[in-house]
Amino acid sequence: MTEPAYWSIAETVRNIVSGEITATALVESTLERIGKLDDKLGAYLAIDKAGALGQAAVIDQKRKDGQPLGSLVGVPISLRR
């Protein structure tokens, strides 16, 4: 499996919905990558780690419970100012 940072949106959603990866694992991978690269890139002013991990846990529970998931479920986003 390729690194999640290189997945398309469709691959990300498919992998979360199928259980290939949990939303929590995806967030952790994304945060790790940000940690490795952001000192050099300076792309982020603020990162809501707790919020991202909390939302990931909600997604994981919904998937486990068989609840419907949104069409962009688990796709990491960043906002530019």
C-alpha atoms as a PDB file:
ATOM      1  CA  MET A   1       0.000   0.000   0.000  1.00  0.00           C
ATOM      2  CA  THR A   2       1.317   3.448  -0.860  1.00  0.00           C
ATOM      3  CA  GLU A   3       1.723   6.093   1.802  1.00  0.00           C
ATOM      4  CA  PRO A   4      -1.598   7.832   2.605  1.00  0.00           C
ATOM      5  CA  ALA A   5      -0.119  11.235   1.746  1.00  0.00           C
ATOM      6  CA  TYR A   6      -0.034  10.140  -1.898  1.00  0.00           C
ATOM      7  CA  TRP A   7      -3.600   8.789  -2.111  1.00  0.00           C
ATOM      8  CA  SER A   8      -6.199  10.547  -4.184  1.00  0.00           C
ATOM      9  CA  ILE A   9      -9.382  11.695  -2.477  1.00  0.00           C
ATOM     10  CA  ALA A  10     -11.198   8.685  -3.928  1.00  0.00           C
ATOM     11  CA  GLU A  11      -8.520   6.294  -2.626  1.00  0.00           C
ATOM     12  CA  THR A  12      -8.636   7.886   0.818  1.00  0.00           C
ATOM     13  CA  VAL A  13     -12.414   7.532   1.083  1.00  0.00           C
ATOM     14  CA  ARG A  14     -12.352   3.990  -0.318  1.00  0.00           C
ATOM     15  CA  ASN A  15      -9.645   2.911   2.138  1.00  0.00           C
ATOM     16  CA  ILE A  16     -11.503   4.354   5.128  1.00  0.00           C
ATOM     17  CA  VAL A  17     -14.892   2.949   4.095  1.00  0.00           C
ATOM     18  CA  SER A  18     -13.395  -0.499   3.421  1.00  0.00           C
ATOM     19  CA  GLY A  19     -11.480  -0.518   6.708  1.00  0.00           C
ATOM     20  CA  GLU A  20      -8.095  -0.725   4.972  1.00  0.00           C
ATOM     21  CA  ILE A  21      -7.128   2.146   7.293  1.00  0.00           C
ATOM     22  CA  THR A  22      -8.916   3.788  10.198  1.00  0.00           C
ATOM     23  CA  ALA A  23      -9.614   7.482  10.182  1.00  0.00           C
ATOM     24  CA  THR A  24      -7.530   7.709  13.347  1.00  0.00           C
ATOM     25  CA  ALA A  25      -4.530   6.062  11.676  1.00  0.00           C
ATOM     26  CA  LEU A  26      -4.900   8.414   8.704  1.00  0.00           C
ATOM     27  CA  VAL A  27      -4.965  11.484  10.963  1.00  0.00           C
ATOM     28  CA  GLU A  28      -1.944  10.222  12.891  1.00  0.00           C
ATOM     29  CA  SER A  29      -0.077   9.663   9.614  1.00  0.00           C
ATOM     30  CA  THR A  30      -1.026  13.134   8.396  1.00  0.00           C
ATOM     31  CA  LEU A  31       0.051  14.778  11.658  1.00  0.00           C
ATOM     32  CA  GLU A  32       3.342  12.883  11.580  1.00  0.00           C
ATOM     33  CA  ARG A  33       4.012  14.099   8.038  1.00  0.00           C
ATOM     34  CA  ILE A  34       3.178  17.677   8.995  1.00  0.00           C
ATOM     35  CA  GLY A  35       5.568  17.363  11.932  1.00  0.00           C
ATOM     36  CA  LYS A  36       8.371  16.215   9.655  1.00  0.00           C
ATOM     37  CA  LEU A  37       7.888  18.832   6.937  1.00  0.00           C
ATOM     38  CA  ASP A  38       6.345  21.953   8.402  1.00  0.00           C
ATOM     39  CA  ASP A  39       9.492  23.427   9.942  1.00  0.00           C
ATOM     40  CA  LYS A  40      10.885  23.663   6.430  1.00  0.00           C
ATOM     41  CA  LEU A  41       7.646  24.573   4.651  1.00  0.00           C
ATOM     42  CA  GLY A  42       5.954  26.787   7.224  1.00  0.00           C
ATOM     43  CA  ALA A  43       2.583  25.892   5.745  1.00  0.00           C
ATOM     44  CA  TYR A  44       0.521  25.789   8.954  1.00  0.00           C
ATOM     45  CA  LEU A  45      -0.272  28.532  11.442  1.00  0.00           C
ATOM     46  CA  ALA A  46      -2.334  26.289  13.707  1.00  0.00           C
ATOM     47  CA  ILE A  47      -3.119  22.590  13.857  1.00  0.00           C
ATOM     48  CA  ASP A  48      -6.062  21.239  15.844  1.00  0.00           C
ATOM     49  CA  LYS A  49      -4.614  17.840  16.700  1.00  0.00           C
ATOM     50  CA  ALA A  50      -7.149  17.055  19.408  1.00  0.00           C
ATOM     51  CA  GLY A  51     -10.061  18.086  17.192  1.00  0.00           C
ATOM     52  CA  ALA A  52      -8.786  16.064  14.245  1.00  0.00           C
ATOM     53  CA  LEU A  53      -8.230  12.959  16.366  1.00  0.00           C
ATOM     54  CA  GLY A  54     -11.636  13.418  18.002  1.00  0.00           C
ATOM     55  CA  GLN A  55     -13.412  13.612  14.665  1.00  0.00           C
ATOM     56  CA  ALA A  56     -11.458  10.604  13.436  1.00  0.00           C
ATOM     57  CA  ALA A  57     -12.633   8.609  16.449  1.00  0.00           C
ATOM     58  CA  VAL A  58     -16.240   9.536  15.631  1.00  0.00           C
ATOM     59  CA  ILE A  59     -15.763   8.368  12.032  1.00  0.00           C
ATOM     60  CA  ASP A  60     -14.196   5.104  13.196  1.00  0.00           C
ATOM     61  CA  GLN A  61     -17.089   4.447  15.572  1.00  0.00           C
ATOM     62  CA  LYS A  62     -19.680   5.199  12.869  1.00  0.00           C
ATOM     63  CA  ARG A  63     -17.947   2.786  10.524  1.00  0.00           C
ATOM     64  CA  LYS A  64     -17.793   0.132  13.237  1.00  0.00           C
ATOM     65  CA  ASP A  65     -21.502   0.622  13.970  1.00  0.00           C
ATOM     66  CA  GLY A  66     -22.408   0.372  10.276  1.00  0.00           C
ATOM     67  CA  GLN A  67     -23.696   3.940  10.121  1.00  0.00           C
ATOM     68  CA  PRO A  68     -23.587   5.835   6.832  1.00  0.00           C
ATOM     69  CA  LEU A  69     -20.424   7.801   6.129  1.00  0.00           C
ATOM     70  CA  GLY A  70     -20.183  11.001   4.120  1.00  0.00           C
ATOM     71  CA  SER A  71     -18.802  11.157   0.608  1.00  0.00           C
ATOM     72  CA  LEU A  72     -15.568  12.838   1.765  1.00  0.00           C
ATOM     73  CA  VAL A  73     -15.253  10.891   4.999  1.00  0.00           C
ATOM     74  CA  GLY A  74     -11.804  11.156   6.555  1.00  0.00           C
ATOM     75  CA  VAL A  75     -10.246  13.315   3.850  1.00  0.00           C
ATOM     76  CA  PRO A  76      -7.743  15.640   5.569  1.00  0.00           C
ATOM     77  CA  ILE A  77      -8.148  19.319   4.745  1.00  0.00           C
ATOM     78  CA  SER A  78      -6.314  22.516   5.441  1.00  0.00           C
ATOM     79  CA  LEU A  79      -7.567  26.040   5.008  1.00  0.00           C
ATOM     80  CA  ARG A  80      -5.549  28.821   3.549  1.00  0.00           C
ATOM     81  CA  ARG A  81      -5.941  32.380   4.621  1.00  0.00           C
END
